[in-house]
Amino acid sequence: MKVPRAICFDAGNTLIDATTAPVEAYHRSAIKLGAESHSSEQLWSVMGPKMRQLFEERAQLAGPSSDAIERQFWTELLEHIIEHFKPCHNLSLAAWLSDLVDWFGSSKAWQPYKDTLPTLETLKNKGTRLALISNWDSSLENILNELQLSKYFEVIHISAQIGWRKPSPKIFEETLKALQLQPEEVCHVGDNIADDIYGAQNCGIEALFLDRWNYGEHVPATRIKTLSEIITIYDYS
């Protein structure tokens, strides 16, 4: 395959992974703030289905983004838990939200995948321009800096700062404009079919589907299981 002039990457579940399972972070925070004794498994029985529902609803959104909009996910999830999970009935929504925003907005909550740094380093050394497009609040900027990832990217577009979230064409168009490239000169890599694959393809951008967990879904895009495969599928010789 022809080497693109620039490669764009998603962030969460593509370049970086949570250092602890989200339910463990929610559980630890709830206990710290005075929730009644319960296990993370019990919490997940209420949290899990609601989280999946919210993710599915968000997959249909291609609209505006801001810190408030991006954090609405947490607000709705916590409201549901407090209402439907008795050990958390006594928790303050504001206090719990603040504690989780502090945790997930810190680099302590995130770590690069093992293939992230080697792949970015190789692509950079081969002269490929790199960009990042992520649906996230503004905290991602600090996370990337602390994880020493920002230096690899010529363009970093975070939805809350750009004002639009994937799969909106507007955030992809803004990235193309910043790179001063045409869609056919760019590739986008991500793990979310709606946001990353269809979002990019609808703008004429080639997409690579990063399938780390072998979902086996039919996706009309080249499938890779590791970032390192990017080096092999393009003709860098």
C-alpha atoms as a PDB file:
ATOM      1  CA  MET A   1       0.000   0.000   0.000  1.00  0.00           C
ATOM      2  CA  LYS A   2       1.136   3.521  -0.792  1.00  0.00           C
ATOM      3  CA  VAL A   3       2.611   5.362   2.177  1.00  0.00           C
ATOM      4  CA  PRO A   4       0.329   8.215   3.312  1.00  0.00           C
ATOM      5  CA  ARG A   5       1.869  11.634   3.821  1.00  0.00           C
ATOM      6  CA  ALA A   6       0.250  11.802   7.259  1.00  0.00           C
ATOM      7  CA  ILE A   7      -1.310   9.328   9.682  1.00  0.00           C
ATOM      8  CA  CYS A   8      -3.911  10.382  12.234  1.00  0.00           C
ATOM      9  CA  PHE A   9      -4.522   8.424  15.409  1.00  0.00           C
ATOM     10  CA  ASP A  10      -7.340   8.090  17.893  1.00  0.00           C
ATOM     11  CA  ALA A  11      -6.216   8.235  21.545  1.00  0.00           C
ATOM     12  CA  GLY A  12      -8.176   6.030  23.986  1.00  0.00           C
ATOM     13  CA  ASN A  13      -7.924   2.271  23.319  1.00  0.00           C
ATOM     14  CA  THR A  14      -5.664   3.061  20.364  1.00  0.00           C
ATOM     15  CA  LEU A  15      -2.575   4.784  21.774  1.00  0.00           C
ATOM     16  CA  ILE A  16      -3.342   4.723  25.493  1.00  0.00           C
ATOM     17  CA  ASP A  17      -5.054   2.313  27.860  1.00  0.00           C
ATOM     18  CA  ALA A  18      -6.437   2.709  31.376  1.00  0.00           C
ATOM     19  CA  THR A  19      -3.997   1.689  34.117  1.00  0.00           C
ATOM     20  CA  THR A  20      -6.858   0.122  36.049  1.00  0.00           C
ATOM     21  CA  ALA A  21     -10.264  -1.142  34.986  1.00  0.00           C
ATOM     22  CA  PRO A  22     -12.798   1.722  35.042  1.00  0.00           C
ATOM     23  CA  VAL A  23     -15.059  -0.127  37.468  1.00  0.00           C
ATOM     24  CA  GLU A  24     -12.159  -0.421  39.911  1.00  0.00           C
ATOM     25  CA  ALA A  25     -11.571   3.331  39.715  1.00  0.00           C
ATOM     26  CA  TYR A  26     -15.271   4.040  40.297  1.00  0.00           C
ATOM     27  CA  HIS A  27     -15.371   1.548  43.171  1.00  0.00           C
ATOM     28  CA  ARG A  28     -12.273   2.945  44.858  1.00  0.00           C
ATOM     29  CA  SER A  29     -13.620   6.483  44.562  1.00  0.00           C
ATOM     30  CA  ALA A  30     -17.043   5.530  45.930  1.00  0.00           C
ATOM     31  CA  ILE A  31     -15.582   3.820  48.995  1.00  0.00           C
ATOM     32  CA  LYS A  32     -13.274   6.771  49.638  1.00  0.00           C
ATOM     33  CA  LEU A  33     -16.243   9.147  49.564  1.00  0.00           C
ATOM     34  CA  GLY A  34     -18.265   7.100  52.056  1.00  0.00           C
ATOM     35  CA  ALA A  35     -20.306   4.575  50.095  1.00  0.00           C
ATOM     36  CA  GLU A  36     -21.541   1.521  51.974  1.00  0.00           C
ATOM     37  CA  SER A  37     -19.437  -1.625  51.681  1.00  0.00           C
ATOM     38  CA  HIS A  38     -19.758  -3.368  48.309  1.00  0.00           C
ATOM     39  CA  SER A  39     -17.619  -5.160  45.759  1.00  0.00           C
ATOM     40  CA  SER A  40     -16.580  -3.902  42.341  1.00  0.00           C
ATOM     41  CA  GLU A  41     -18.495  -6.848  40.860  1.00  0.00           C
ATOM     42  CA  GLN A  42     -21.706  -5.665  42.531  1.00  0.00           C
ATOM     43  CA  LEU A  43     -21.102  -2.138  41.283  1.00  0.00           C
ATOM     44  CA  TRP A  44     -20.465  -3.403  37.755  1.00  0.00           C
ATOM     45  CA  SER A  45     -23.823  -5.219  37.684  1.00  0.00           C
ATOM     46  CA  VAL A  46     -25.479  -1.787  37.700  1.00  0.00           C
ATOM     47  CA  MET A  47     -22.744   0.259  36.074  1.00  0.00           C
ATOM     48  CA  GLY A  48     -21.920  -2.057  33.162  1.00  0.00           C
ATOM     49  CA  PRO A  49     -25.281  -2.128  31.339  1.00  0.00           C
ATOM     50  CA  LYS A  50     -25.736   1.628  31.721  1.00  0.00           C
ATOM     51  CA  MET A  51     -22.200   2.294  30.478  1.00  0.00           C
ATOM     52  CA  ARG A  52     -22.812   0.165  27.385  1.00  0.00           C
ATOM     53  CA  GLN A  53     -26.082   2.004  26.734  1.00  0.00           C
ATOM     54  CA  LEU A  54     -24.388   5.392  26.997  1.00  0.00           C
ATOM     55  CA  PHE A  55     -21.549   4.323  24.706  1.00  0.00           C
ATOM     56  CA  GLU A  56     -24.055   3.144  22.100  1.00  0.00           C
ATOM     57  CA  GLU A  57     -25.931   6.439  22.327  1.00  0.00           C
ATOM     58  CA  ARG A  58     -22.704   8.426  22.020  1.00  0.00           C
ATOM     59  CA  ALA A  59     -21.752   6.450  18.919  1.00  0.00           C
ATOM     60  CA  GLN A  60     -24.690   8.107  17.166  1.00  0.00           C
ATOM     61  CA  LEU A  61     -23.546  11.609  18.093  1.00  0.00           C
ATOM     62  CA  ALA A  62     -21.640  13.652  15.569  1.00  0.00           C
ATOM     63  CA  GLY A  63     -22.427  17.014  17.051  1.00  0.00           C
ATOM     64  CA  PRO A  64     -20.787  19.740  19.091  1.00  0.00           C
ATOM     65  CA  SER A  65     -18.257  19.000  21.821  1.00  0.00           C
ATOM     66  CA  SER A  66     -17.048  20.834  24.914  1.00  0.00           C
ATOM     67  CA  ASP A  67     -15.702  19.872  28.310  1.00  0.00           C
ATOM     68  CA  ALA A  68     -19.258  19.937  29.679  1.00  0.00           C
ATOM     69  CA  ILE A  69     -20.608  17.769  26.844  1.00  0.00           C
ATOM     70  CA  GLU A  70     -17.784  15.235  27.101  1.00  0.00           C
ATOM     71  CA  ARG A  71     -18.248  14.961  30.881  1.00  0.00           C
ATOM     72  CA  GLN A  72     -22.003  14.523  30.561  1.00  0.00           C
ATOM     73  CA  PHE A  73     -21.306  10.816  30.050  1.00  0.00           C
ATOM     74  CA  TRP A  74     -19.908  10.552  33.586  1.00  0.00           C
ATOM     75  CA  THR A  75     -22.731  12.651  35.024  1.00  0.00           C
ATOM     76  CA  GLU A  76     -25.449  10.432  33.546  1.00  0.00           C
ATOM     77  CA  LEU A  77     -23.643   7.264  34.593  1.00  0.00           C
ATOM     78  CA  LEU A  78     -23.154   8.427  38.185  1.00  0.00           C
ATOM     79  CA  GLU A  79     -26.752   9.620  38.459  1.00  0.00           C
ATOM     80  CA  HIS A  80     -27.879   6.164  37.382  1.00  0.00           C
ATOM     81  CA  ILE A  81     -25.624   4.402  39.892  1.00  0.00           C
ATOM     82  CA  ILE A  82     -26.623   6.638  42.797  1.00  0.00           C
ATOM     83  CA  GLU A  83     -30.308   6.093  42.025  1.00  0.00           C
ATOM     84  CA  HIS A  84     -30.217   2.348  41.337  1.00  0.00           C
ATOM     85  CA  PHE A  85     -27.353   1.007  43.488  1.00  0.00           C
ATOM     86  CA  LYS A  86     -28.207   1.165  47.203  1.00  0.00           C
ATOM     87  CA  PRO A  87     -24.618   1.265  48.611  1.00  0.00           C
ATOM     88  CA  CYS A  88     -24.083   4.535  46.716  1.00  0.00           C
ATOM     89  CA  HIS A  89     -27.386   6.233  47.601  1.00  0.00           C
ATOM     90  CA  ASN A  90     -25.651   8.519  50.103  1.00  0.00           C
ATOM     91  CA  LEU A  91     -22.975   9.820  47.722  1.00  0.00           C
ATOM     92  CA  SER A  92     -22.887  13.390  46.480  1.00  0.00           C
ATOM     93  CA  LEU A  93     -23.012  13.481  42.684  1.00  0.00           C
ATOM     94  CA  ALA A  94     -20.847  16.603  42.575  1.00  0.00           C
ATOM     95  CA  ALA A  95     -18.178  15.158  44.887  1.00  0.00           C
ATOM     96  CA  TRP A  96     -18.043  11.809  43.074  1.00  0.00           C
ATOM     97  CA  LEU A  97     -17.889  13.461  39.661  1.00  0.00           C
ATOM     98  CA  SER A  98     -15.111  15.787  40.805  1.00  0.00           C
ATOM     99  CA  ASP A  99     -13.056  12.919  42.192  1.00  0.00           C
ATOM    100  CA  LEU A 100     -13.384  10.874  38.998  1.00  0.00           C
ATOM    101  CA  VAL A 101     -12.628  13.870  36.767  1.00  0.00           C
ATOM    102  CA  ASP A 102      -9.438  14.410  38.774  1.00  0.00           C
ATOM    103  CA  TRP A 103      -8.433  10.751  38.399  1.00  0.00           C
ATOM    104  CA  PHE A 104      -9.241  10.244  34.730  1.00  0.00           C
ATOM    105  CA  GLY A 105      -7.811  13.670  33.920  1.00  0.00           C
ATOM    106  CA  SER A 106      -4.452  12.598  35.321  1.00  0.00           C
ATOM    107  CA  SER A 107      -1.731  10.681  33.513  1.00  0.00           C
ATOM    108  CA  LYS A 108      -1.770   8.244  36.455  1.00  0.00           C
ATOM    109  CA  ALA A 109      -4.974   6.797  34.998  1.00  0.00           C
ATOM    110  CA  TRP A 110      -3.445   6.103  31.570  1.00  0.00           C
ATOM    111  CA  GLN A 111      -0.514   4.337  29.989  1.00  0.00           C
ATOM    112  CA  PRO A 112       0.684   3.902  26.394  1.00  0.00           C
ATOM    113  CA  TYR A 113       0.252   0.449  24.879  1.00  0.00           C
ATOM    114  CA  LYS A 114       3.529  -1.403  24.409  1.00  0.00           C
ATOM    115  CA  ASP A 115       3.400  -0.853  20.653  1.00  0.00           C
ATOM    116  CA  THR A 116       2.591   2.869  20.846  1.00  0.00           C
ATOM    117  CA  LEU A 117       5.985   4.488  21.355  1.00  0.00           C
ATOM    118  CA  PRO A 118       7.949   2.179  19.022  1.00  0.00           C
ATOM    119  CA  THR A 119       5.407   2.712  16.235  1.00  0.00           C
ATOM    120  CA  LEU A 120       5.256   6.488  16.614  1.00  0.00           C
ATOM    121  CA  GLU A 121       9.048   6.668  16.787  1.00  0.00           C
ATOM    122  CA  THR A 122       9.462   4.593  13.619  1.00  0.00           C
ATOM    123  CA  LEU A 123       6.868   6.563  11.663  1.00  0.00           C
ATOM    124  CA  LYS A 124       8.382   9.859  12.781  1.00  0.00           C
ATOM    125  CA  ASN A 125      11.865   8.736  11.771  1.00  0.00           C
ATOM    126  CA  LYS A 126      10.569   7.700   8.344  1.00  0.00           C
ATOM    127  CA  GLY A 127       9.231  11.186   7.770  1.00  0.00           C
ATOM    128  CA  THR A 128       5.523  10.476   8.148  1.00  0.00           C
ATOM    129  CA  ARG A 129       3.617  13.406   9.591  1.00  0.00           C
ATOM    130  CA  LEU A 130       1.466  12.487  12.596  1.00  0.00           C
ATOM    131  CA  ALA A 131      -1.769  13.895  13.971  1.00  0.00           C
ATOM    132  CA  LEU A 132      -4.177  12.969  16.740  1.00  0.00           C
ATOM    133  CA  ILE A 133      -7.984  13.221  16.651  1.00  0.00           C
ATOM    134  CA  SER A 134      -9.800  12.276  19.852  1.00  0.00           C
ATOM    135  CA  ASN A 135     -13.223  12.589  21.458  1.00  0.00           C
ATOM    136  CA  TRP A 136     -12.093  13.750  24.898  1.00  0.00           C
ATOM    137  CA  ASP A 137     -12.259  16.691  27.246  1.00  0.00           C
ATOM    138  CA  SER A 138      -9.399  19.172  27.543  1.00  0.00           C
ATOM    139  CA  SER A 139      -7.599  17.045  30.122  1.00  0.00           C
ATOM    140  CA  LEU A 140      -6.197  14.900  27.304  1.00  0.00           C
ATOM    141  CA  GLU A 141      -3.719  17.648  26.476  1.00  0.00           C
ATOM    142  CA  ASN A 142      -2.051  17.338  29.881  1.00  0.00           C
ATOM    143  CA  ILE A 143      -2.241  13.524  29.787  1.00  0.00           C
ATOM    144  CA  LEU A 144      -0.403  13.406  26.455  1.00  0.00           C
ATOM    145  CA  ASN A 145       2.238  15.815  27.720  1.00  0.00           C
ATOM    146  CA  GLU A 146       2.901  13.827  30.883  1.00  0.00           C
ATOM    147  CA  LEU A 147       3.039  10.550  28.970  1.00  0.00           C
ATOM    148  CA  GLN A 148       5.601  12.085  26.591  1.00  0.00           C
ATOM    149  CA  LEU A 149       3.355  11.550  23.578  1.00  0.00           C
ATOM    150  CA  SER A 150       2.660  15.124  22.463  1.00  0.00           C
ATOM    151  CA  LYS A 151       6.078  15.526  20.894  1.00  0.00           C
ATOM    152  CA  TYR A 152       5.246  13.045  18.154  1.00  0.00           C
ATOM    153  CA  PHE A 153       2.266  14.958  16.786  1.00  0.00           C
ATOM    154  CA  GLU A 154       2.273  17.925  14.478  1.00  0.00           C
ATOM    155  CA  VAL A 155      -1.461  18.394  15.033  1.00  0.00           C
ATOM    156  CA  ILE A 156      -3.485  17.469  18.130  1.00  0.00           C
ATOM    157  CA  HIS A 157      -7.242  17.927  17.793  1.00  0.00           C
ATOM    158  CA  ILE A 158      -9.255  17.198  20.928  1.00  0.00           C
ATOM    159  CA  SER A 159     -13.003  17.371  20.413  1.00  0.00           C
ATOM    160  CA  ALA A 160     -13.683  19.596  23.433  1.00  0.00           C
ATOM    161  CA  GLN A 161     -11.183  22.134  22.103  1.00  0.00           C
ATOM    162  CA  ILE A 162     -12.152  21.925  18.430  1.00  0.00           C
ATOM    163  CA  GLY A 163     -15.882  22.042  19.201  1.00  0.00           C
ATOM    164  CA  TRP A 164     -16.900  18.930  17.264  1.00  0.00           C
ATOM    165  CA  ARG A 165     -16.642  15.239  18.011  1.00  0.00           C
ATOM    166  CA  LYS A 166     -16.073  12.269  15.731  1.00  0.00           C
ATOM    167  CA  PRO A 167     -17.691  11.060  13.548  1.00  0.00           C
ATOM    168  CA  SER A 168     -18.525  14.643  12.565  1.00  0.00           C
ATOM    169  CA  PRO A 169     -16.705  15.506   9.332  1.00  0.00           C
ATOM    170  CA  LYS A 170     -15.875  18.885  10.825  1.00  0.00           C
ATOM    171  CA  ILE A 171     -13.146  17.597  13.158  1.00  0.00           C
ATOM    172  CA  PHE A 172     -11.574  15.602  10.318  1.00  0.00           C
ATOM    173  CA  GLU A 173     -11.799  18.596   7.980  1.00  0.00           C
ATOM    174  CA  GLU A 174     -10.129  20.805  10.577  1.00  0.00           C
ATOM    175  CA  THR A 175      -7.296  18.290  10.802  1.00  0.00           C
ATOM    176  CA  LEU A 176      -6.845  18.184   7.029  1.00  0.00           C
ATOM    177  CA  LYS A 177      -6.819  21.980   6.997  1.00  0.00           C
ATOM    178  CA  ALA A 178      -4.156  22.115   9.713  1.00  0.00           C
ATOM    179  CA  LEU A 179      -2.021  19.570   7.846  1.00  0.00           C
ATOM    180  CA  GLN A 180      -2.696  21.309   4.516  1.00  0.00           C
ATOM    181  CA  LEU A 181      -3.306  17.914   2.919  1.00  0.00           C
ATOM    182  CA  GLN A 182      -6.023  16.323   0.812  1.00  0.00           C
ATOM    183  CA  PRO A 183      -8.088  13.382   2.176  1.00  0.00           C
ATOM    184  CA  GLU A 184      -6.399  10.888  -0.150  1.00  0.00           C
ATOM    185  CA  GLU A 185      -2.997  11.827   1.330  1.00  0.00           C
ATOM    186  CA  VAL A 186      -4.012  10.843   4.869  1.00  0.00           C
ATOM    187  CA  CYS A 187      -4.828   7.698   6.838  1.00  0.00           C
ATOM    188  CA  HIS A 188      -6.682   7.499  10.148  1.00  0.00           C
ATOM    189  CA  VAL A 189      -6.165   4.730  12.722  1.00  0.00           C
ATOM    190  CA  GLY A 190      -8.670   3.946  15.451  1.00  0.00           C
ATOM    191  CA  ASP A 191     -10.623   1.297  17.324  1.00  0.00           C
ATOM    192  CA  ASN A 192     -14.154   2.694  17.076  1.00  0.00           C
ATOM    193  CA  ILE A 193     -16.072   1.675  13.972  1.00  0.00           C
ATOM    194  CA  ALA A 194     -18.528   4.580  13.969  1.00  0.00           C
ATOM    195  CA  ASP A 195     -16.200   7.348  15.123  1.00  0.00           C
ATOM    196  CA  ASP A 196     -12.935   6.354  13.497  1.00  0.00           C
ATOM    197  CA  ILE A 197     -13.699   4.146  10.515  1.00  0.00           C
ATOM    198  CA  TYR A 198     -16.919   5.562   9.116  1.00  0.00           C
ATOM    199  CA  GLY A 199     -16.052   9.050  10.329  1.00  0.00           C
ATOM    200  CA  ALA A 200     -12.796   9.061   8.371  1.00  0.00           C
ATOM    201  CA  GLN A 201     -14.175   7.260   5.315  1.00  0.00           C
ATOM    202  CA  ASN A 202     -17.079   9.688   5.026  1.00  0.00           C
ATOM    203  CA  CYS A 203     -14.467  12.409   4.531  1.00  0.00           C
ATOM    204  CA  GLY A 204     -12.582  10.422   1.906  1.00  0.00           C
ATOM    205  CA  ILE A 205      -9.810   9.450   4.323  1.00  0.00           C
ATOM    206  CA  GLU A 206      -8.459   5.903   4.328  1.00  0.00           C
ATOM    207  CA  ALA A 207      -9.069   4.153   7.654  1.00  0.00           C
ATOM    208  CA  LEU A 208      -7.285   1.355   9.492  1.00  0.00           C
ATOM    209  CA  PHE A 209      -9.384  -0.518  12.047  1.00  0.00           C
ATOM    210  CA  LEU A 210      -7.336  -1.363  15.133  1.00  0.00           C
ATOM    211  CA  ASP A 211      -8.905  -4.558  16.453  1.00  0.00           C
ATOM    212  CA  ARG A 212      -6.827  -5.354  19.549  1.00  0.00           C
ATOM    213  CA  TRP A 213      -9.517  -7.643  20.986  1.00  0.00           C
ATOM    214  CA  ASN A 214     -10.406  -9.544  17.817  1.00  0.00           C
ATOM    215  CA  TYR A 215     -14.056  -8.536  17.719  1.00  0.00           C
ATOM    216  CA  GLY A 216     -14.426 -10.253  14.370  1.00  0.00           C
ATOM    217  CA  GLU A 217     -16.926  -7.700  13.119  1.00  0.00           C
ATOM    218  CA  HIS A 218     -17.187  -7.066   9.411  1.00  0.00           C
ATOM    219  CA  VAL A 219     -15.630  -3.676   8.823  1.00  0.00           C
ATOM    220  CA  PRO A 220     -15.014  -2.251   5.333  1.00  0.00           C
ATOM    221  CA  ALA A 221     -11.474  -1.223   6.212  1.00  0.00           C
ATOM    222  CA  THR A 222      -8.057  -2.785   6.569  1.00  0.00           C
ATOM    223  CA  ARG A 223      -7.930  -4.529   9.947  1.00  0.00           C
ATOM    224  CA  ILE A 224      -4.823  -4.515  12.150  1.00  0.00           C
ATOM    225  CA  LYS A 225      -4.365  -6.038  15.594  1.00  0.00           C
ATOM    226  CA  THR A 226      -1.322  -4.017  16.622  1.00  0.00           C
ATOM    227  CA  LEU A 227      -0.002  -0.585  15.755  1.00  0.00           C
ATOM    228  CA  SER A 228       3.269  -2.117  14.602  1.00  0.00           C
ATOM    229  CA  GLU A 229       1.425  -3.589  11.600  1.00  0.00           C
ATOM    230  CA  ILE A 230       1.183  -0.076  10.173  1.00  0.00           C
ATOM    231  CA  ILE A 231       4.902  -0.288   9.358  1.00  0.00           C
ATOM    232  CA  THR A 232       4.461  -3.507   7.418  1.00  0.00           C
ATOM    233  CA  ILE A 233       1.285  -2.790   5.439  1.00  0.00           C
ATOM    234  CA  TYR A 234       2.714   0.365   3.892  1.00  0.00           C
ATOM    235  CA  ASP A 235       5.647   0.213   1.516  1.00  0.00           C
ATOM    236  CA  TYR A 236       8.323   2.004   3.552  1.00  0.00           C
ATOM    237  CA  SER A 237      11.172   0.253   1.736  1.00  0.00           C
END
